[in-house]
Structures are given as C-alpha cells and as structure tokens.
C-alpha cells in the first residue's frame, strides 16, 4: 500500500532542480501543498516581526478539506488500474 507521502523525496528533488512537471508526476499532492505551506510560514513570520501576538491559523474547514484531499488521494492511488496507481514509485 502506498502512503500519501510516497514519492515525496523524489518530487522534492525534481522541484529543487526545476522539473515541476516531473515532480508532480511523483507526488501530485506535495507540489501544490509546498507553496501553501510557504505562504502560511511567511505570513506567520511577518506577523511575528511586526509584534502581533496571534498566529495566523487556517480555518478548521480548510484543515478538513486538505485532510479529505489527502485521504482521497491515498485511496485513489492504491486502486489498481486508476490513473494515480500508475504514478512512478
């Protein structure tokens, strides 16, 4: 069984070398998630440098949407014969 993180290291390697499409083929969840996480970290850092006390936290609905997408991706990539089952390992 393949986890949602399978192929993440290879995807990250290809991203660092500028091969976005190849990285997406290895893990299509990681590639769009990285800019989201970077933006969240940047906003938190900017708020901290401005002296604001409250951290920027995503809403609970966004958390559940992302969790649902990861779960659907995990199930879909483990069904034989589907598009995601043919991703490189």
N, C-alpha and C. Protein backbone atom coordinates (compact mmCIF):
# COMPACT_ATOMS: atom_id res chain seq x y z
N UNK A 1 0.84 -1.18 0.00
CA UNK A 1 0.00 0.00 0.00
C UNK A 1 0.88 1.24 0.00
N UNK A 2 0.55 2.18 -0.84
CA UNK A 2 1.30 3.43 -0.96
C UNK A 2 0.69 4.49 -0.06
N UNK A 3 1.52 5.17 0.68
CA UNK A 3 1.05 6.24 1.56
C UNK A 3 0.97 7.55 0.76
N UNK A 4 0.35 8.60 1.30
CA UNK A 4 0.28 9.86 0.57
C UNK A 4 1.64 10.51 0.38
N UNK A 5 2.61 10.11 1.18
CA UNK A 5 3.94 10.69 1.07
C UNK A 5 4.87 9.95 0.12
N UNK A 6 4.43 8.82 -0.41
CA UNK A 6 5.28 8.05 -1.33
C UNK A 6 5.65 8.90 -2.54
N UNK A 7 6.91 8.96 -2.84
CA UNK A 7 7.40 9.75 -3.96
C UNK A 7 7.71 11.19 -3.59
N UNK A 8 7.52 11.56 -2.33
CA UNK A 8 7.74 12.95 -1.93
C UNK A 8 9.20 13.36 -2.04
N UNK A 9 10.09 12.49 -1.64
CA UNK A 9 11.52 12.84 -1.69
C UNK A 9 11.97 13.02 -3.14
N UNK A 10 11.53 12.12 -4.01
CA UNK A 10 11.89 12.27 -5.43
C UNK A 10 11.24 13.52 -6.02
N UNK A 11 9.99 13.81 -5.61
CA UNK A 11 9.32 15.01 -6.09
C UNK A 11 10.06 16.26 -5.62
N UNK A 12 10.47 16.28 -4.38
CA UNK A 12 11.22 17.42 -3.85
C UNK A 12 12.56 17.58 -4.57
N UNK A 13 13.21 16.48 -4.86
CA UNK A 13 14.47 16.52 -5.61
C UNK A 13 14.26 17.17 -6.98
N UNK A 14 13.22 16.75 -7.68
CA UNK A 14 12.96 17.32 -9.00
C UNK A 14 12.52 18.78 -8.91
N UNK A 15 11.79 19.13 -7.86
CA UNK A 15 11.42 20.54 -7.68
C UNK A 15 12.64 21.41 -7.49
N UNK A 16 13.58 20.93 -6.69
CA UNK A 16 14.80 21.70 -6.45
C UNK A 16 15.65 21.85 -7.71
N UNK A 17 15.45 20.95 -8.66
CA UNK A 17 16.18 21.05 -9.93
C UNK A 17 15.34 21.72 -11.02
N UNK A 18 14.16 22.23 -10.64
CA UNK A 18 13.35 22.99 -11.58
C UNK A 18 12.45 22.15 -12.48
N UNK A 19 12.28 20.88 -12.20
CA UNK A 19 11.45 20.00 -13.02
C UNK A 19 10.08 19.83 -12.35
N UNK A 20 9.23 20.82 -12.49
CA UNK A 20 7.95 20.84 -11.79
C UNK A 20 7.02 19.74 -12.28
N UNK A 21 6.96 19.52 -13.57
CA UNK A 21 6.05 18.51 -14.12
C UNK A 21 6.48 17.11 -13.68
N UNK A 22 7.77 16.84 -13.71
CA UNK A 22 8.25 15.53 -13.25
C UNK A 22 7.96 15.36 -11.76
N UNK A 23 8.15 16.41 -10.99
CA UNK A 23 7.86 16.36 -9.56
C UNK A 23 6.38 16.07 -9.32
N UNK A 24 5.53 16.69 -10.12
CA UNK A 24 4.09 16.47 -9.98
C UNK A 24 3.72 15.02 -10.28
N UNK A 25 4.44 14.41 -11.21
CA UNK A 25 4.17 13.00 -11.52
C UNK A 25 4.53 12.09 -10.35
N UNK A 26 5.54 12.45 -9.57
CA UNK A 26 5.93 11.62 -8.44
C UNK A 26 4.99 11.78 -7.25
N UNK A 27 4.53 13.00 -6.98
CA UNK A 27 3.58 13.20 -5.89
C UNK A 27 2.75 14.44 -6.18
N UNK A 28 1.55 14.25 -6.74
CA UNK A 28 0.71 15.41 -7.10
C UNK A 28 0.09 16.14 -5.91
N UNK A 29 0.24 15.63 -4.71
CA UNK A 29 -0.26 16.35 -3.53
C UNK A 29 0.81 17.30 -2.99
N UNK A 30 2.04 16.86 -3.00
CA UNK A 30 3.12 17.64 -2.42
C UNK A 30 3.38 18.93 -3.19
N UNK A 31 3.36 18.87 -4.50
CA UNK A 31 3.75 20.03 -5.32
C UNK A 31 2.86 21.25 -5.06
N UNK A 32 1.53 21.13 -5.05
CA UNK A 32 0.73 22.33 -4.73
C UNK A 32 0.72 22.67 -3.24
N UNK A 33 1.02 21.70 -2.39
CA UNK A 33 0.99 21.94 -0.96
C UNK A 33 2.20 22.78 -0.49
N UNK A 34 3.32 22.67 -1.16
CA UNK A 34 4.52 23.41 -0.76
C UNK A 34 4.31 24.93 -0.80
N UNK A 35 3.77 25.50 -1.90
CA UNK A 35 3.53 26.95 -1.88
C UNK A 35 2.54 27.39 -0.80
N UNK A 36 1.55 26.56 -0.53
CA UNK A 36 0.58 26.89 0.53
C UNK A 36 1.28 26.96 1.88
N UNK A 37 2.11 25.96 2.17
CA UNK A 37 2.84 25.95 3.44
C UNK A 37 3.85 27.09 3.54
N UNK A 38 4.50 27.41 2.42
CA UNK A 38 5.45 28.52 2.43
C UNK A 38 4.75 29.86 2.68
N UNK A 39 3.59 30.05 2.08
CA UNK A 39 2.82 31.29 2.31
C UNK A 39 2.37 31.38 3.76
N UNK A 40 1.91 30.26 4.32
CA UNK A 40 1.49 30.24 5.72
C UNK A 40 2.66 30.59 6.64
N UNK A 41 3.84 30.02 6.36
CA UNK A 41 5.01 30.31 7.18
C UNK A 41 5.43 31.78 7.03
N UNK A 42 5.36 32.31 5.82
CA UNK A 42 5.73 33.70 5.59
C UNK A 42 4.79 34.65 6.33
N UNK A 43 3.49 34.38 6.27
CA UNK A 43 2.53 35.23 6.98
C UNK A 43 2.79 35.18 8.49
N UNK A 44 3.03 33.99 9.03
CA UNK A 44 3.33 33.88 10.46
C UNK A 44 4.60 34.63 10.82
N UNK A 45 5.61 34.52 9.98
CA UNK A 45 6.87 35.22 10.25
C UNK A 45 6.68 36.74 10.20
N UNK A 46 5.94 37.22 9.21
CA UNK A 46 5.68 38.66 9.10
C UNK A 46 4.89 39.18 10.29
N UNK A 47 3.91 38.41 10.73
CA UNK A 47 3.12 38.82 11.90
C UNK A 47 4.00 38.85 13.15
N UNK A 48 4.91 37.91 13.26
CA UNK A 48 5.79 37.86 14.43
C UNK A 48 6.76 39.05 14.43
N UNK A 49 7.30 39.40 13.26
CA UNK A 49 8.24 40.51 13.19
C UNK A 49 7.55 41.85 13.43
N UNK A 50 6.25 41.93 13.17
CA UNK A 50 5.50 43.17 13.43
C UNK A 50 5.02 43.24 14.86
N UNK A 51 5.29 42.21 15.65
CA UNK A 51 4.93 42.22 17.06
C UNK A 51 3.50 41.80 17.36
N UNK A 52 2.83 41.22 16.41
CA UNK A 52 1.47 40.76 16.66
C UNK A 52 1.52 39.45 17.44
N UNK A 53 0.63 39.31 18.39
CA UNK A 53 0.63 38.16 19.28
C UNK A 53 0.00 36.92 18.66
N UNK A 54 -1.05 37.11 17.90
CA UNK A 54 -1.80 35.97 17.40
C UNK A 54 -1.17 35.41 16.14
N UNK A 55 -1.02 34.10 16.13
CA UNK A 55 -0.52 33.45 14.92
C UNK A 55 -1.66 33.32 13.92
N UNK A 56 -1.28 33.33 12.67
CA UNK A 56 -2.25 33.14 11.60
C UNK A 56 -2.52 31.64 11.49
N UNK A 57 -3.72 31.25 11.77
CA UNK A 57 -4.09 29.83 11.72
C UNK A 57 -5.16 29.63 10.65
N UNK A 58 -4.98 28.62 9.82
CA UNK A 58 -6.02 28.35 8.83
C UNK A 58 -7.32 27.92 9.51
N UNK A 59 -8.40 28.11 8.84
CA UNK A 59 -9.69 27.74 9.42
C UNK A 59 -9.82 26.22 9.53
N UNK A 60 -10.73 25.79 10.36
CA UNK A 60 -10.95 24.35 10.54
C UNK A 60 -11.46 23.73 9.25
N UNK A 61 -12.25 24.47 8.50
CA UNK A 61 -12.78 23.92 7.25
C UNK A 61 -11.65 23.67 6.24
N UNK A 62 -10.66 24.56 6.19
CA UNK A 62 -9.52 24.34 5.30
C UNK A 62 -8.75 23.10 5.72
N UNK A 63 -8.58 22.92 7.02
CA UNK A 63 -7.91 21.73 7.52
C UNK A 63 -8.63 20.46 7.06
N UNK A 64 -9.96 20.45 7.21
CA UNK A 64 -10.73 19.26 6.83
C UNK A 64 -10.72 19.03 5.33
N UNK A 65 -10.72 20.09 4.55
CA UNK A 65 -10.66 19.95 3.09
C UNK A 65 -9.32 19.34 2.70
N UNK A 66 -8.21 19.86 3.25
CA UNK A 66 -6.89 19.30 2.93
C UNK A 66 -6.77 17.86 3.38
N UNK A 67 -7.26 17.55 4.56
CA UNK A 67 -7.23 16.18 5.05
C UNK A 67 -8.04 15.25 4.15
N UNK A 68 -9.20 15.71 3.73
CA UNK A 68 -10.04 14.91 2.83
C UNK A 68 -9.34 14.67 1.50
N UNK A 69 -8.70 15.70 0.96
CA UNK A 69 -7.97 15.53 -0.31
C UNK A 69 -6.85 14.52 -0.18
N UNK A 70 -6.12 14.57 0.92
CA UNK A 70 -5.02 13.62 1.14
C UNK A 70 -5.57 12.20 1.27
N UNK A 71 -6.68 12.03 1.97
CA UNK A 71 -7.27 10.70 2.12
C UNK A 71 -7.79 10.17 0.79
N UNK A 72 -8.46 11.02 0.01
CA UNK A 72 -8.94 10.60 -1.30
C UNK A 72 -7.77 10.23 -2.20
N UNK A 73 -6.73 11.02 -2.17
CA UNK A 73 -5.53 10.74 -2.95
C UNK A 73 -4.93 9.39 -2.55
N UNK A 74 -4.87 9.12 -1.25
CA UNK A 74 -4.29 7.87 -0.75
C UNK A 74 -5.10 6.67 -1.24
N UNK A 75 -6.40 6.76 -1.13
CA UNK A 75 -7.24 5.64 -1.58
C UNK A 75 -7.15 5.48 -3.09
N UNK A 76 -7.24 6.60 -3.82
CA UNK A 76 -7.25 6.54 -5.27
C UNK A 76 -5.94 5.98 -5.82
N UNK A 77 -4.82 6.33 -5.23
CA UNK A 77 -3.53 5.85 -5.76
C UNK A 77 -3.31 4.38 -5.45
N UNK A 78 -4.11 3.79 -4.57
CA UNK A 78 -3.98 2.38 -4.24
C UNK A 78 -5.01 1.50 -4.92
N UNK A 79 -5.84 2.05 -5.78
CA UNK A 79 -6.80 1.26 -6.55
C UNK A 79 -6.13 0.87 -7.86
N UNK A 80 -5.94 -0.42 -8.08
CA UNK A 80 -5.27 -0.87 -9.31
C UNK A 80 -6.03 -0.42 -10.56
N UNK A 81 -5.29 0.01 -11.56
CA UNK A 81 -5.87 0.39 -12.84
C UNK A 81 -6.28 1.84 -12.94
N UNK A 82 -6.18 2.60 -11.87
CA UNK A 82 -6.54 4.02 -11.95
C UNK A 82 -5.34 4.84 -12.40
N UNK A 83 -5.61 6.08 -12.73
CA UNK A 83 -4.56 6.97 -13.21
C UNK A 83 -3.46 7.15 -12.17
N UNK A 84 -3.83 7.37 -10.92
CA UNK A 84 -2.83 7.61 -9.89
C UNK A 84 -2.07 6.34 -9.50
N UNK A 85 -2.62 5.17 -9.79
CA UNK A 85 -1.92 3.93 -9.49
C UNK A 85 -0.72 3.73 -10.43
N UNK A 86 -0.71 4.45 -11.54
CA UNK A 86 0.39 4.32 -12.49
C UNK A 86 1.50 5.34 -12.27
N UNK A 87 1.41 6.12 -11.18
CA UNK A 87 2.46 7.08 -10.89
C UNK A 87 3.77 6.35 -10.59
N UNK A 88 4.89 6.95 -10.90
CA UNK A 88 6.17 6.32 -10.58
C UNK A 88 6.30 6.09 -9.06
N UNK A 89 6.93 5.01 -8.71
CA UNK A 89 7.09 4.67 -7.29
C UNK A 89 8.37 5.24 -6.76
